[in-house]
Every structure is written in structure tokens, then in C-alpha cells.
């Protein structure tokens, strides 16, 4: 369901949602909060369509998700059971009448071989990895472009660079700080450092994505939307590569294209120093992003 071909079939739905939220953003008046009126609703509504979740559940899921990310242990936080409960209800409803989304597809194709608990768990996992990650990447991506007017001007002048711009923004503004810790089973040397058996290592995605390109020439720390795409860890790597990579890239392309076409004069509505960032949340991002046009 998450192949490039399947995602392309969903492109008209994504474009429709982006257009609807651009209308809402414009009606909100200037300055408008891009995160509240555009980035978060776009990722949430697309996810709802994808898995077959009722739109009415989105506001409550967003509220519960904020509580779960508030610093409490997710396993003990009461919002966790309420949050998971939405997906259990979805699985039960889809069991009675399977729809076209992910939950319905799993039930239609696998029947009793997949339990409601498994359907709920799969949909919750997809939601956890999609809504916040995509929304925060849209927000930080727009912020990066607005803070680099030369790159924004280049993208407007050469819209064919959008796919490269998406890849560069994924690298430049990664929202996941680190990969899951790894434990060495044997002594191993990496980058001149000896890691002994039993030691735990965690990799900073932020640092890895700024590793020098082709030598230490200083370009890796610079936003360059015309850059030849290289390896980055924003979507994982190897067996841990993101299941929804094609979905994320397509959402970013459609959202950024629609936003820049609709608002040619898009600019920040406040100074960067006044912005509040999500430093303790599972996904790095910006709390609000006031914009003018």
C-alpha cells in the first residue's frame, strides 16, 4: 500500500486536501499560523483518508497525542489508552464494513488471519510515524526556505527542482533527533572509535545528515535545493528505512508546491527569535509559525 505507484494514485486526494487547507489558511487572516491552519491538518487529513479513520476523530487524536508527548511515560499516561482506543474502534468498525483505507484493506485481504488488535496496532503505528513527522517537516521546511530567500527564489524560478528541494529539506530539517539505540554484540571499531561488546550506541540523525559531502568543504551545513541528492538518515536506512517514505515525499511536494503557488509573497510574520520550538517533543519542530503574504 505504501509503494510509489500506490501513493501516486492518492495524489488527487492529497491535492484536494492541500487546496482546502490553503483556503482555510487564507481566511484565517494575516498573520496566520501555518502549523495550526495548514501543516498539521494536511498531514492529519491525509492520514485519515489513508487508513480509513473518521475525520471527526482527528481533533481528539491530536489532543491526546499532545498529552502523550508532554514528557510523561507513554505507557503510564492515561491519554495513551484513549489514543489507542480510537484505533481499536476503527478496527471493529472496519471489521463490520471494510472500507478502502489501510484498515479495510487488511481485513479484506487477510480476514481472520489478522486480529482487530493487530489492525489497530498497525494503523496506530502508521499514524504515529506520519502525522507529526510530516507536519513538523512541512513547518520547518517552509521556515528554512523563508530564512534562505535565495533558495526560495531559485525554487520559484525553477519549479522543476521541487523533488530535489524536498530531499534537501528532509536532510536539512530532520525532525527525528536520533535512531533507536544499538547494543554491540562484539567489539567493533567505527570511525576510529572502539565500541566494546555490551556498550550502547545512539546515532544523532541531525549530525549524520550534516556530514560533509565529498570532503570537508563546508557545504553539508548549507541549504542547497539544487544539490545532487545524497544519503541521509531522515527516513532511516537499510532494513529500518521508513515504510511511508513515498507518502512523506509526495505530501511534502504537494504541500510546498500548493503553498508557494497560492502565496507568491509568503514571508515570516514574526522574527525567528520569537518562534518557540518543540525541543522536548518526540519530533523536533516549531510550535507556531506565523506567516504573511
Protein backbone atom coordinates (compact mmCIF):
# COMPACT_ATOMS: atom_id res chain seq x y z
CA UNK A 1 0.00 0.00 0.00
CA UNK A 2 2.96 2.33 0.52
CA UNK A 3 4.66 1.85 -2.84
CA UNK A 4 5.36 4.85 -5.07
CA UNK A 5 2.72 3.62 -7.53
CA UNK A 6 0.03 3.36 -4.85
CA UNK A 7 0.92 6.78 -3.48
CA UNK A 8 0.66 8.33 -6.95
CA UNK A 9 -2.91 7.04 -7.14
CA UNK A 10 -3.66 9.04 -3.98
CA UNK A 11 -2.18 12.27 -5.36
CA UNK A 12 -5.57 13.81 -6.36
CA UNK A 13 -6.88 13.25 -2.82
CA UNK A 14 -3.79 14.87 -1.32
CA UNK A 15 -4.00 17.84 -3.70
CA UNK A 16 -7.66 18.34 -2.78
CA UNK A 17 -6.87 18.40 0.93
CA UNK A 18 -3.98 20.84 0.40
CA UNK A 19 -6.24 23.17 -1.61
CA UNK A 20 -8.91 23.05 1.12
CA UNK A 21 -6.43 23.91 3.85
CA UNK A 22 -4.93 26.75 1.77
CA UNK A 23 -8.43 28.25 1.67
CA UNK A 24 -8.66 27.95 5.45
CA UNK A 25 -5.21 29.49 5.88
CA UNK A 26 -6.15 32.47 3.69
CA UNK A 27 -9.45 33.01 5.51
CA UNK A 28 -7.65 32.99 8.86
CA UNK A 29 -6.21 36.40 8.01
CA UNK A 30 -2.70 37.77 8.32
CA UNK A 31 -0.62 36.77 10.15
CA UNK A 32 -1.90 33.18 10.11
CA UNK A 33 -0.39 30.23 11.94
CA UNK A 34 0.86 27.86 9.24
CA UNK A 35 1.10 24.96 11.70
CA UNK A 36 -2.46 25.27 13.02
CA UNK A 37 -4.24 26.02 9.77
CA UNK A 38 -2.16 24.11 7.25
CA UNK A 39 0.76 21.80 8.18
CA UNK A 40 -0.88 19.75 10.94
CA UNK A 41 -4.36 19.49 9.36
CA UNK A 42 -2.88 18.49 5.99
CA UNK A 43 -0.89 15.60 7.43
CA UNK A 44 -3.77 14.52 9.69
CA UNK A 45 -6.45 14.61 6.98
CA UNK A 46 -4.30 12.70 4.51
CA UNK A 47 -3.56 10.08 7.15
CA UNK A 48 -7.27 9.76 7.95
CA UNK A 49 -8.05 9.12 4.28
CA UNK A 50 -5.19 6.66 4.01
CA UNK A 51 -6.15 4.39 6.90
CA UNK A 52 -9.93 4.96 6.86
CA UNK A 53 -10.13 6.99 10.08
CA UNK A 54 -13.19 9.26 10.51
CA UNK A 55 -12.22 12.91 10.21
CA UNK A 56 -14.15 13.68 13.38
CA UNK A 57 -11.57 11.68 15.35
CA UNK A 58 -8.65 13.85 14.28
CA UNK A 59 -9.03 16.73 16.74
CA UNK A 60 -9.31 14.33 19.68
CA UNK A 61 -6.35 12.27 18.45
CA UNK A 62 -4.31 15.47 18.15
CA UNK A 63 -5.19 16.46 21.73
CA UNK A 64 -4.31 13.02 23.08
CA UNK A 65 -1.12 12.95 21.06
CA UNK A 66 -0.02 16.24 22.61
CA UNK A 67 -0.60 14.79 26.09
CA UNK A 68 1.38 11.67 25.24
CA UNK A 69 4.29 13.81 24.08
CA UNK A 70 4.22 16.02 27.16
CA UNK A 71 7.10 14.29 28.92
CA UNK A 72 5.17 11.61 30.79
CA UNK A 73 5.92 7.93 30.28
CA UNK A 74 3.68 6.86 27.35
CA UNK A 75 2.92 3.51 28.97
CA UNK A 76 1.60 5.13 32.14
CA UNK A 77 -0.05 8.19 30.66
CA UNK A 78 -3.88 7.85 30.68
CA UNK A 79 -4.06 9.55 27.27
CA UNK A 80 -2.29 6.53 25.79
CA UNK A 81 -5.24 4.15 26.38
CA UNK A 82 -7.68 6.71 25.00
CA UNK A 83 -5.44 7.24 21.98
CA UNK A 84 -5.12 3.52 21.27
CA UNK A 85 -8.86 3.16 21.87
CA UNK A 86 -9.60 5.20 18.73
CA UNK A 87 -7.74 2.67 16.60
CA UNK A 88 -9.45 -0.26 18.30
CA UNK A 89 -12.83 1.29 17.49
CA UNK A 90 -11.65 1.82 13.92
CA UNK A 91 -10.64 -1.84 13.60
CA UNK A 92 -14.00 -3.03 14.97
CA UNK A 93 -15.95 -0.74 12.64
CA UNK A 94 -13.90 -1.80 9.62
CA UNK A 95 -14.40 -5.47 10.54
CA UNK A 96 -18.16 -4.92 10.17
CA UNK A 97 -17.89 -2.89 6.97
CA UNK A 98 -14.39 -2.77 5.40
CA UNK A 99 -13.64 0.48 3.60
CA UNK A 100 -10.97 1.45 1.07
CA UNK A 101 -8.34 2.55 3.60
CA UNK A 102 -5.49 0.59 5.15
CA UNK A 103 -7.64 -0.92 7.92
CA UNK A 104 -10.29 -2.12 5.48
CA UNK A 105 -7.66 -3.48 3.08
CA UNK A 106 -6.02 -5.53 5.82
CA UNK A 107 -9.35 -7.07 6.80
CA UNK A 108 -10.48 -7.73 3.23
CA UNK A 109 -7.21 -9.34 2.18
CA UNK A 110 -6.38 -11.26 5.36
CA UNK A 111 -9.72 -11.83 7.10
CA UNK A 112 -9.49 -13.62 10.43
CA UNK A 113 -5.75 -14.18 9.94
CA UNK A 114 -5.28 -10.62 11.23
CA UNK A 115 -6.91 -9.72 14.54
CA UNK A 116 -8.59 -6.41 15.41
CA UNK A 117 -5.73 -5.79 17.84
CA UNK A 118 -3.22 -6.21 15.03
CA UNK A 119 -5.19 -3.95 12.66
CA UNK A 120 -5.40 -1.31 15.41
CA UNK A 121 -1.68 -1.64 16.14
CA UNK A 122 -0.66 -1.31 12.50
CA UNK A 123 -2.87 1.77 11.98
CA UNK A 124 -1.62 3.36 15.20
CA UNK A 125 1.98 2.73 14.19
CA UNK A 126 1.41 4.31 10.77
CA UNK A 127 -0.32 7.30 12.39
CA UNK A 128 2.49 7.76 14.93
CA UNK A 129 5.10 7.80 12.18
CA UNK A 130 3.13 10.00 9.80
CA UNK A 131 1.11 12.82 11.32
CA UNK A 132 3.67 14.63 13.47
CA UNK A 133 6.71 13.79 11.36
CA UNK A 134 5.17 15.16 8.17
CA UNK A 135 3.56 18.19 9.80
CA UNK A 136 6.75 19.28 11.52
CA UNK A 137 8.79 18.72 8.35
CA UNK A 138 6.37 20.93 6.39
CA UNK A 139 6.67 23.64 9.04
CA UNK A 140 10.45 23.53 9.35
CA UNK A 141 10.83 23.18 5.59
CA UNK A 142 8.83 26.35 4.99
CA UNK A 143 10.77 28.12 7.73
CA UNK A 144 14.09 27.05 6.15
CA UNK A 145 13.04 28.39 2.76
CA UNK A 146 11.82 31.68 4.22
CA UNK A 147 15.13 32.05 6.08
CA UNK A 148 17.05 31.40 2.84
CA UNK A 149 15.45 33.82 0.34
CA UNK A 150 17.99 32.92 -2.35
CA UNK A 151 16.88 29.28 -2.23
CA UNK A 152 13.21 30.25 -2.18
CA UNK A 153 13.74 32.50 -5.20
CA UNK A 154 15.56 29.69 -7.02
CA UNK A 155 12.69 27.29 -6.34
CA UNK A 156 10.15 29.80 -7.65
CA UNK A 157 12.28 30.39 -10.73
CA UNK A 158 12.88 26.67 -11.33
CA UNK A 159 9.88 24.68 -10.01
CA UNK A 160 11.33 21.55 -11.61
CA UNK A 161 13.73 21.49 -8.65
CA UNK A 162 10.89 20.66 -6.23
CA UNK A 163 11.79 16.96 -5.89
CA UNK A 164 15.39 17.87 -5.09
CA UNK A 165 14.19 20.58 -2.73
CA UNK A 166 12.05 18.04 -0.85
CA UNK A 167 15.03 15.70 -0.48
CA UNK A 168 17.28 18.52 0.64
CA UNK A 169 14.74 19.76 3.18
CA UNK A 170 14.32 16.24 4.58
CA UNK A 171 18.07 16.21 5.14
CA UNK A 172 18.40 19.77 6.36
CA UNK A 173 15.50 19.93 8.84
CA UNK A 174 15.19 16.33 10.05
CA UNK A 175 12.60 16.17 12.82
CA UNK A 176 13.75 12.91 14.47
CA UNK A 177 16.78 13.57 16.64
CA UNK A 178 18.27 10.10 16.93
CA UNK A 179 17.82 6.49 15.90
CA UNK A 180 16.94 3.75 18.37
CA UNK A 181 19.95 2.78 20.50
CA UNK A 182 22.03 -0.19 19.37
CA UNK A 183 23.95 -2.60 21.60
CA UNK A 184 27.24 -4.02 20.33
CA UNK A 185 27.33 -7.82 20.40
CA UNK A 186 31.09 -7.90 19.79
CA UNK A 187 33.92 -5.41 19.90
CA UNK A 188 33.80 -3.26 16.77
CA UNK A 189 35.69 -0.19 15.53
CA UNK A 190 33.75 2.55 13.74
CA UNK A 191 35.31 5.82 12.66
CA UNK A 192 38.41 5.14 14.72
CA UNK A 193 36.41 4.57 17.92
CA UNK A 194 36.41 1.19 19.66
CA UNK A 195 32.94 0.13 20.76
CA UNK A 196 33.13 -2.77 23.19
CA UNK A 197 30.66 -5.64 23.37
CA UNK A 198 27.72 -4.67 25.58
CA UNK A 199 28.14 -0.93 25.07
CA UNK A 200 25.13 1.03 23.83
CA UNK A 201 25.42 3.49 20.96
CA UNK A 202 22.95 6.06 19.72
CA UNK A 203 23.39 7.97 16.47
CA UNK A 204 22.40 11.62 16.09
CA UNK A 205 20.37 11.97 12.90
CA UNK A 206 20.96 15.73 12.99
CA UNK A 207 24.74 15.23 12.98
CA UNK A 208 24.70 12.39 10.43
CA UNK A 209 22.68 14.49 8.00
CA UNK A 210 25.26 17.27 8.20
CA UNK A 211 28.23 15.01 7.46
CA UNK A 212 30.47 16.58 4.80
CA UNK A 213 29.65 15.88 1.16
CA UNK A 214 32.74 14.85 -0.78
CA UNK A 215 35.21 16.14 1.76
CA UNK A 216 35.13 18.75 4.46
CA UNK A 217 34.25 21.70 2.21
CA UNK A 218 31.56 23.20 4.45
CA UNK A 219 28.68 22.57 2.04
CA UNK A 220 26.86 19.97 4.17
CA UNK A 221 25.75 22.61 6.65
CA UNK A 222 24.28 24.77 3.89
CA UNK A 223 20.77 24.55 2.41
CA UNK A 224 21.12 23.87 -1.33
CA UNK A 225 17.95 22.77 -3.13
CA UNK A 226 19.90 22.13 -6.35
CA UNK A 227 22.22 19.69 -4.59
CA UNK A 228 22.54 16.22 -6.09
CA UNK A 229 20.60 14.08 -3.58
CA UNK A 230 22.90 12.08 -1.32
CA UNK A 231 22.49 9.68 1.56
CA UNK A 232 20.71 10.98 4.64
CA UNK A 233 19.00 9.38 7.62
CA UNK A 234 15.81 11.46 7.75
CA UNK A 235 13.85 8.42 6.52
CA UNK A 236 16.06 5.78 8.11
CA UNK A 237 18.32 3.39 6.24
CA UNK A 238 18.55 -0.26 5.23
CA UNK A 239 16.09 -2.58 6.96
CA UNK A 240 14.98 0.38 9.07
CA UNK A 241 14.01 2.53 6.06
CA UNK A 242 10.70 4.35 6.57
CA UNK A 243 7.63 2.41 5.38
CA UNK A 244 5.95 5.69 4.42
CA UNK A 245 8.89 7.30 2.59
CA UNK A 246 6.96 7.66 -0.69
CA UNK A 247 3.98 9.08 1.22
CA UNK A 248 6.14 11.63 3.06
CA UNK A 249 7.91 12.81 -0.09
CA UNK A 250 4.67 13.16 -2.05
CA UNK A 251 2.92 15.05 0.76
CA UNK A 252 5.82 17.47 1.06
CA UNK A 253 5.94 18.07 -2.69
CA UNK A 254 2.21 18.72 -3.00
CA UNK A 255 2.04 20.86 0.15
CA UNK A 256 5.04 23.05 -0.71
CA UNK A 257 4.02 23.42 -4.36
CA UNK A 258 0.48 24.45 -3.43
CA UNK A 259 1.62 26.85 -0.72
CA UNK A 260 4.19 28.67 -2.89
CA UNK A 261 1.83 28.91 -5.87
CA UNK A 262 -1.02 30.25 -3.74
CA UNK A 263 1.07 32.81 -1.84
CA UNK A 264 3.84 34.29 -4.04
CA UNK A 265 4.62 36.84 -1.34
CA UNK A 266 4.83 34.36 1.54
CA UNK A 267 7.04 35.59 4.37
CA UNK A 268 7.51 35.24 8.12
CA UNK A 269 5.05 37.08 10.32
CA UNK A 270 7.50 37.34 13.22
CA UNK A 271 11.21 37.25 13.91
CA UNK A 272 12.90 33.84 14.13
CA UNK A 273 13.99 34.68 17.69
CA UNK A 274 10.32 34.89 18.73
CA UNK A 275 9.47 31.38 17.49
CA UNK A 276 9.00 28.60 20.04
CA UNK A 277 10.49 25.22 19.11
CA UNK A 278 9.40 21.74 20.27
CA UNK A 279 12.65 20.84 21.97
CA UNK A 280 11.28 18.11 24.28
CA UNK A 281 8.73 16.50 21.94
CA UNK A 282 9.47 13.21 20.12
CA UNK A 283 9.61 15.20 16.87
CA UNK A 284 11.57 18.42 16.67
CA UNK A 285 9.59 21.26 15.16
CA UNK A 286 8.06 24.66 15.71
CA UNK A 287 5.02 25.23 17.92
CA UNK A 288 3.56 28.02 15.79
CA UNK A 289 4.68 29.59 12.53
CA UNK A 290 3.03 32.98 11.81
CA UNK A 291 3.17 33.86 8.11
CA UNK A 292 2.17 36.81 5.94
CA UNK A 293 1.59 37.09 2.19
